[in-house]
C-alpha atoms as a PDB file:
ATOM      1  CA  MET A   1      41.418  12.085  98.376  1.00  0.00           C
ATOM      2  CA  ALA A   2      44.918  11.514  99.514  1.00  0.00           C
ATOM      3  CA  ARG A   3      46.512  13.754 102.497  1.00  0.00           C
ATOM      4  CA  LYS A   4      49.086  16.273 101.637  1.00  0.00           C
ATOM      5  CA  ILE A   5      51.760  14.233 103.843  1.00  0.00           C
ATOM      6  CA  ASP A   6      50.857  11.182 101.726  1.00  0.00           C
ATOM      7  CA  GLU A   7      51.917  13.356  98.406  1.00  0.00           C
ATOM      8  CA  TYR A   8      54.793  14.696  99.865  1.00  0.00           C
ATOM      9  CA  VAL A   9      56.354  11.208 100.939  1.00  0.00           C
ATOM     10  CA  SER A  10      55.466   9.798  97.905  1.00  0.00           C
ATOM     11  CA  ALA A  11      57.165  12.732  96.102  1.00  0.00           C
ATOM     12  CA  LEU A  12      60.121  12.090  98.562  1.00  0.00           C
ATOM     13  CA  GLU A  13      60.375   8.413  97.743  1.00  0.00           C
ATOM     14  CA  SER A  14      60.786   9.213  94.252  1.00  0.00           C
ATOM     15  CA  VAL A  15      63.332  11.984  94.013  1.00  0.00           C
ATOM     16  CA  LEU A  16      66.119  10.164  96.357  1.00  0.00           C
ATOM     17  CA  PRO A  17      68.524  10.246  96.416  1.00  0.00           C
ATOM     18  CA  GLN A  18      69.820  13.598  96.819  1.00  0.00           C
ATOM     19  CA  ASN A  19      72.680  15.863  98.045  1.00  0.00           C
ATOM     20  CA  SER A  20      70.688  18.215 100.119  1.00  0.00           C
ATOM     21  CA  ARG A  21      67.284  19.493 101.492  1.00  0.00           C
ATOM     22  CA  GLU A  22      67.226  22.063  98.778  1.00  0.00           C
ATOM     23  CA  GLU A  23      67.720  19.635  95.949  1.00  0.00           C
ATOM     24  CA  ILE A  24      65.075  17.476  97.489  1.00  0.00           C
ATOM     25  CA  ARG A  25      62.875  20.828  97.412  1.00  0.00           C
ATOM     26  CA  LEU A  26      63.630  21.536  93.969  1.00  0.00           C
ATOM     27  CA  ALA A  27      62.950  17.903  92.789  1.00  0.00           C
ATOM     28  CA  MET A  28      59.793  17.482  94.795  1.00  0.00           C
ATOM     29  CA  GLN A  29      58.428  21.034  93.357  1.00  0.00           C
ATOM     30  CA  ARG A  30      59.074  19.026  89.646  1.00  0.00           C
ATOM     31  CA  GLU A  31      57.597  16.138  90.890  1.00  0.00           C
ATOM     32  CA  LEU A  32      54.718  17.599  92.270  1.00  0.00           C
ATOM     33  CA  ARG A  33      54.457  20.626  90.060  1.00  0.00           C
ATOM     34  CA  ARG A  34      54.186  23.291  92.752  1.00  0.00           C
ATOM     35  CA  ARG A  35      55.638  25.253  95.151  1.00  0.00           C
ATOM     36  CA  ILE A  36      57.276  23.103  98.154  1.00  0.00           C
ATOM     37  CA  SER A  37      58.830  24.898 101.001  1.00  0.00           C
ATOM     38  CA  PRO A  38      62.103  23.922 102.951  1.00  0.00           C
ATOM     39  CA  ASN A  39      59.796  23.264 105.915  1.00  0.00           C
ATOM     40  CA  GLN A  40      57.493  21.079 103.866  1.00  0.00           C
ATOM     41  CA  VAL A  41      60.587  18.953 102.965  1.00  0.00           C
ATOM     42  CA  GLY A  42      61.638  18.661 106.430  1.00  0.00           C
ATOM     43  CA  VAL A  43      57.955  17.574 107.657  1.00  0.00           C
ATOM     44  CA  ALA A  44      57.954  14.952 104.859  1.00  0.00           C
ATOM     45  CA  ILE A  45      61.598  13.612 105.955  1.00  0.00           C
ATOM     46  CA  GLY A  46      60.617  13.700 109.814  1.00  0.00           C
ATOM     47  CA  TYR A  47      57.516  11.772 108.725  1.00  0.00           C
ATOM     48  CA  VAL A  48      59.251   8.790 106.962  1.00  0.00           C
ATOM     49  CA  ARG A  49      61.553   8.699 110.081  1.00  0.00           C
ATOM     50  CA  ARG A  50      58.842   8.435 112.172  1.00  0.00           C
ATOM     51  CA  HIS A  51      57.158   5.770 110.000  1.00  0.00           C
ATOM     52  CA  CYS A  52      59.592   3.907 108.844  1.00  0.00           C
ATOM     53  CA  GLY A  53      57.823   0.548 110.407  1.00  0.00           C
ATOM     54  CA  GLU A  54      54.473   1.505 108.268  1.00  0.00           C
ATOM     55  CA  LEU A  55      56.082   2.891 105.117  1.00  0.00           C
ATOM     56  CA  LEU A  56      58.928   0.110 104.865  1.00  0.00           C
ATOM     57  CA  TRP A  57      61.745   2.644 104.497  1.00  0.00           C
ATOM     58  CA  THR A  58      63.444   5.475 105.855  1.00  0.00           C
ATOM     59  CA  ILE A  59      66.190   8.198 105.119  1.00  0.00           C
ATOM     60  CA  PRO A  60      69.264   7.836 107.836  1.00  0.00           C
ATOM     61  CA  HIS A  61      70.014  11.226 109.334  1.00  0.00           C
ATOM     62  CA  VAL A  62      72.963  12.974 107.745  1.00  0.00           C
ATOM     63  CA  LYS A  63      75.799  15.424 109.377  1.00  0.00           C
ATOM     64  CA  SER A  64      74.691  19.018 109.394  1.00  0.00           C
ATOM     65  CA  SER A  65      77.407  20.461 106.792  1.00  0.00           C
ATOM     66  CA  ARG A  66      77.932  19.031 103.430  1.00  0.00           C
ATOM     67  CA  LYS A  67      81.599  18.894 101.627  1.00  0.00           C
ATOM     68  CA  PRO A  68      81.602  19.393  97.803  1.00  0.00           C
ATOM     69  CA  ASP A  69      82.855  15.914  97.173  1.00  0.00           C
ATOM     70  CA  GLU A  70      79.979  14.334  99.260  1.00  0.00           C
ATOM     71  CA  ILE A  71      77.108  12.840  97.149  1.00  0.00           C
ATOM     72  CA  ASP A  72      73.656  11.201  97.788  1.00  0.00           C
ATOM     73  CA  ARG A  73      73.584  12.135 101.309  1.00  0.00           C
ATOM     74  CA  PHE A  74      69.782  11.823 101.525  1.00  0.00           C
ATOM     75  CA  TYR A  75      68.945   8.408 100.639  1.00  0.00           C
ATOM     76  CA  ARG A  76      66.029   5.647 100.984  1.00  0.00           C
ATOM     77  CA  ILE A  77      67.085   2.371 102.847  1.00  0.00           C
ATOM     78  CA  PRO A  78      64.214  -0.436 103.613  1.00  0.00           C
ATOM     79  CA  CYS A  79      62.874  -0.852 106.994  1.00  0.00           C
ATOM     80  CA  GLU A  80      61.380  -3.864 108.649  1.00  0.00           C
ATOM     81  CA  ARG A  81      57.787  -3.427 110.215  1.00  0.00           C
ATOM     82  CA  ASP A  82      59.651  -3.192 113.630  1.00  0.00           C
ATOM     83  CA  GLY A  83      61.360  -0.042 112.450  1.00  0.00           C
ATOM     84  CA  SER A  84      64.648  -1.745 112.366  1.00  0.00           C
ATOM     85  CA  PHE A  85      66.849  -1.205 109.296  1.00  0.00           C
ATOM     86  CA  GLN A  86      70.756  -2.249 108.091  1.00  0.00           C
ATOM     87  CA  ILE A  87      73.024   0.058 106.980  1.00  0.00           C
ATOM     88  CA  SER A  88      75.454  -1.154 103.980  1.00  0.00           C
ATOM     89  CA  GLN A  89      78.892  -0.665 104.343  1.00  0.00           C
ATOM     90  CA  ASN A  90      78.604   1.596 101.640  1.00  0.00           C
ATOM     91  CA  ASN A  91      76.556   4.155 103.560  1.00  0.00           C
ATOM     92  CA  ARG A  92      78.333   3.417 107.052  1.00  0.00           C
ATOM     93  CA  ASP A  93      80.278   6.752 107.195  1.00  0.00           C
ATOM     94  CA  ASN A  94      77.639   8.726 105.972  1.00  0.00           C
ATOM     95  CA  PHE A  95      75.386   6.798 108.415  1.00  0.00           C
ATOM     96  CA  ASP A  96      78.050   7.239 111.126  1.00  0.00           C
ATOM     97  CA  MET A  97      78.423  11.173 110.450  1.00  0.00           C
ATOM     98  CA  GLY A  98      74.947  11.787 110.690  1.00  0.00           C
ATOM     99  CA  ALA A  99      74.458  10.182 113.739  1.00  0.00           C
ATOM    100  CA  GLU A 100      77.124  11.946 115.544  1.00  0.00           C
ATOM    101  CA  SER A 101      75.757  15.366 114.063  1.00  0.00           C
ATOM    102  CA  THR A 102      72.335  14.419 115.649  1.00  0.00           C
ATOM    103  CA  VAL A 103      73.879  13.913 119.074  1.00  0.00           C
ATOM    104  CA  LYS A 104      75.892  17.009 118.788  1.00  0.00           C
ATOM    105  CA  VAL A 105      73.022  19.157 118.138  1.00  0.00           C
ATOM    106  CA  VAL A 106      70.795  17.334 120.724  1.00  0.00           C
ATOM    107  CA  ALA A 107      73.625  17.951 123.431  1.00  0.00           C
ATOM    108  CA  ARG A 108      74.160  21.951 122.191  1.00  0.00           C
ATOM    109  CA  VAL A 109      69.988  22.017 122.409  1.00  0.00           C
ATOM    110  CA  MET A 110      70.281  20.541 126.112  1.00  0.00           C
ATOM    111  CA  LEU A 111      73.197  22.993 127.004  1.00  0.00           C
ATOM    112  CA  ASN A 112      70.783  25.745 125.795  1.00  0.00           C
ATOM    113  CA  MET A 113      68.120  24.428 127.643  1.00  0.00           C
ATOM    114  CA  SER A 114      69.871  24.635 131.099  1.00  0.00           C
ATOM    115  CA  ALA A 115      70.753  28.074 130.384  1.00  0.00           C
ATOM    116  CA  SER A 116      67.310  28.936 129.371  1.00  0.00           C
ATOM    117  CA  ILE A 117      66.206  27.368 132.844  1.00  0.00           C
ATOM    118  CA  GLN A 118      69.397  29.043 134.866  1.00  0.00           C
ATOM    119  CA  ALA A 119      67.784  32.211 133.711  1.00  0.00           C
ATOM    120  CA  ARG A 120      64.456  31.365 134.905  1.00  0.00           C
ATOM    121  CA  LEU A 121      65.290  30.364 138.119  1.00  0.00           C
ATOM    122  CA  HIS A 122      67.533  33.279 138.902  1.00  0.00           C
ATOM    123  CA  HIS A 123      64.059  35.306 138.370  1.00  0.00           C
ATOM    124  CA  GLU A 124      61.429  32.903 139.384  1.00  0.00           C
ATOM    125  CA  ARG A 125      59.303  33.839 142.753  1.00  0.00           C
ATOM    126  CA  SER A 126      57.708  30.516 143.204  1.00  0.00           C
ATOM    127  CA  HIS A 127      59.642  28.319 145.590  1.00  0.00           C
ATOM    128  CA  ILE A 128      57.554  25.223 144.237  1.00  0.00           C
ATOM    129  CA  ILE A 129      58.519  26.294 140.647  1.00  0.00           C
ATOM    130  CA  ARG A 130      62.074  26.651 141.636  1.00  0.00           C
ATOM    131  CA  GLU A 131      62.503  23.551 143.070  1.00  0.00           C
ATOM    132  CA  TYR A 132      60.821  21.702 139.973  1.00  0.00           C
ATOM    133  CA  LEU A 133      63.326  23.759 137.509  1.00  0.00           C
ATOM    134  CA  SER A 134      66.313  22.752 139.457  1.00  0.00           C
ATOM    135  CA  ASP A 135      65.288  19.283 139.205  1.00  0.00           C
ATOM    136  CA  VAL A 136      64.719  19.308 135.463  1.00  0.00           C
ATOM    137  CA  ASP A 137      68.147  21.640 135.253  1.00  0.00           C
ATOM    138  CA  GLU A 138      69.674  18.617 137.348  1.00  0.00           C
ATOM    139  CA  GLN A 139      68.403  16.137 134.762  1.00  0.00           C
ATOM    140  CA  VAL A 140      69.153  18.350 131.692  1.00  0.00           C
ATOM    141  CA  MET A 141      72.907  18.628 132.697  1.00  0.00           C
ATOM    142  CA  PHE A 142      72.950  14.944 133.503  1.00  0.00           C
ATOM    143  CA  THR A 143      72.006  14.145 130.047  1.00  0.00           C
ATOM    144  CA  ALA A 144      74.362  16.738 128.077  1.00  0.00           C
ATOM    145  CA  ARG A 145      77.353  15.124 129.918  1.00  0.00           C
ATOM    146  CA  ARG A 146      76.668  11.981 129.118  1.00  0.00           C
ATOM    147  CA  LEU A 147      75.737  13.317 125.435  1.00  0.00           C
ATOM    148  CA  ALA A 148      79.334  14.707 125.448  1.00  0.00           C
ATOM    149  CA  ARG A 149      80.837  11.353 126.477  1.00  0.00           C
ATOM    150  CA  VAL A 150      79.273   9.690 123.766  1.00  0.00           C
ATOM    151  CA  ILE A 151      80.330  12.629 121.128  1.00  0.00           C
ATOM    152  CA  ARG A 152      84.063  11.495 122.445  1.00  0.00           C
ATOM    153  CA  LEU A 153      83.599   7.922 121.904  1.00  0.00           C
ATOM    154  CA  MET A 154      82.040   8.768 118.424  1.00  0.00           C
ATOM    155  CA  GLU A 155      85.031  10.895 117.481  1.00  0.00           C
ATOM    156  CA  VAL A 156      87.571   8.423 119.206  1.00  0.00           C
ATOM    157  CA  GLN A 157      85.761   5.362 117.193  1.00  0.00           C
ATOM    158  CA  ARG A 158      85.933   7.728 113.865  1.00  0.00           C
ATOM    159  CA  ASN A 159      89.472   8.607 114.447  1.00  0.00           C
ATOM    160  CA  GLY A 160      90.430   5.012 114.692  1.00  0.00           C
ATOM    161  CA  THR A 161      92.129   5.432 118.366  1.00  0.00           C
ATOM    162  CA  THR A 162      91.056   3.989 121.811  1.00  0.00           C
ATOM    163  CA  GLY A 163      88.669   5.311 124.199  1.00  0.00           C
END
């Protein structure tokens, strides 16, 4: 008997390209003839991205919001066994915007993590835990600053200016 994830991946492969996760979900429902949740779509996409060397295809990340004129944002591309892949010039802008969006999400999460750690530090009684949390927060903020720099460089590159 096939694992559910294998069914989802097979359906996902057959319904691409699509414009949105909702369109993917509806197409997968038609393909599998049963209800598919948004979470199941996300699980399938994540599985494909993590196992591209095994599956020999993947779905590049896309930017978070979509303009009405953007089509086929979610699409398949072939992968090598080592997980590497090539982006065609036709898909380059979409790929770059997806990468930039992903970096922005990670940076935002890092800043939220730091705020949470700071709140915990304020109320933590254990000196040892405070020390470790301070070390972690230092690393989180270092990473957040590096991501902010990457975001600025990506925006400069996208706008065609020098950084």
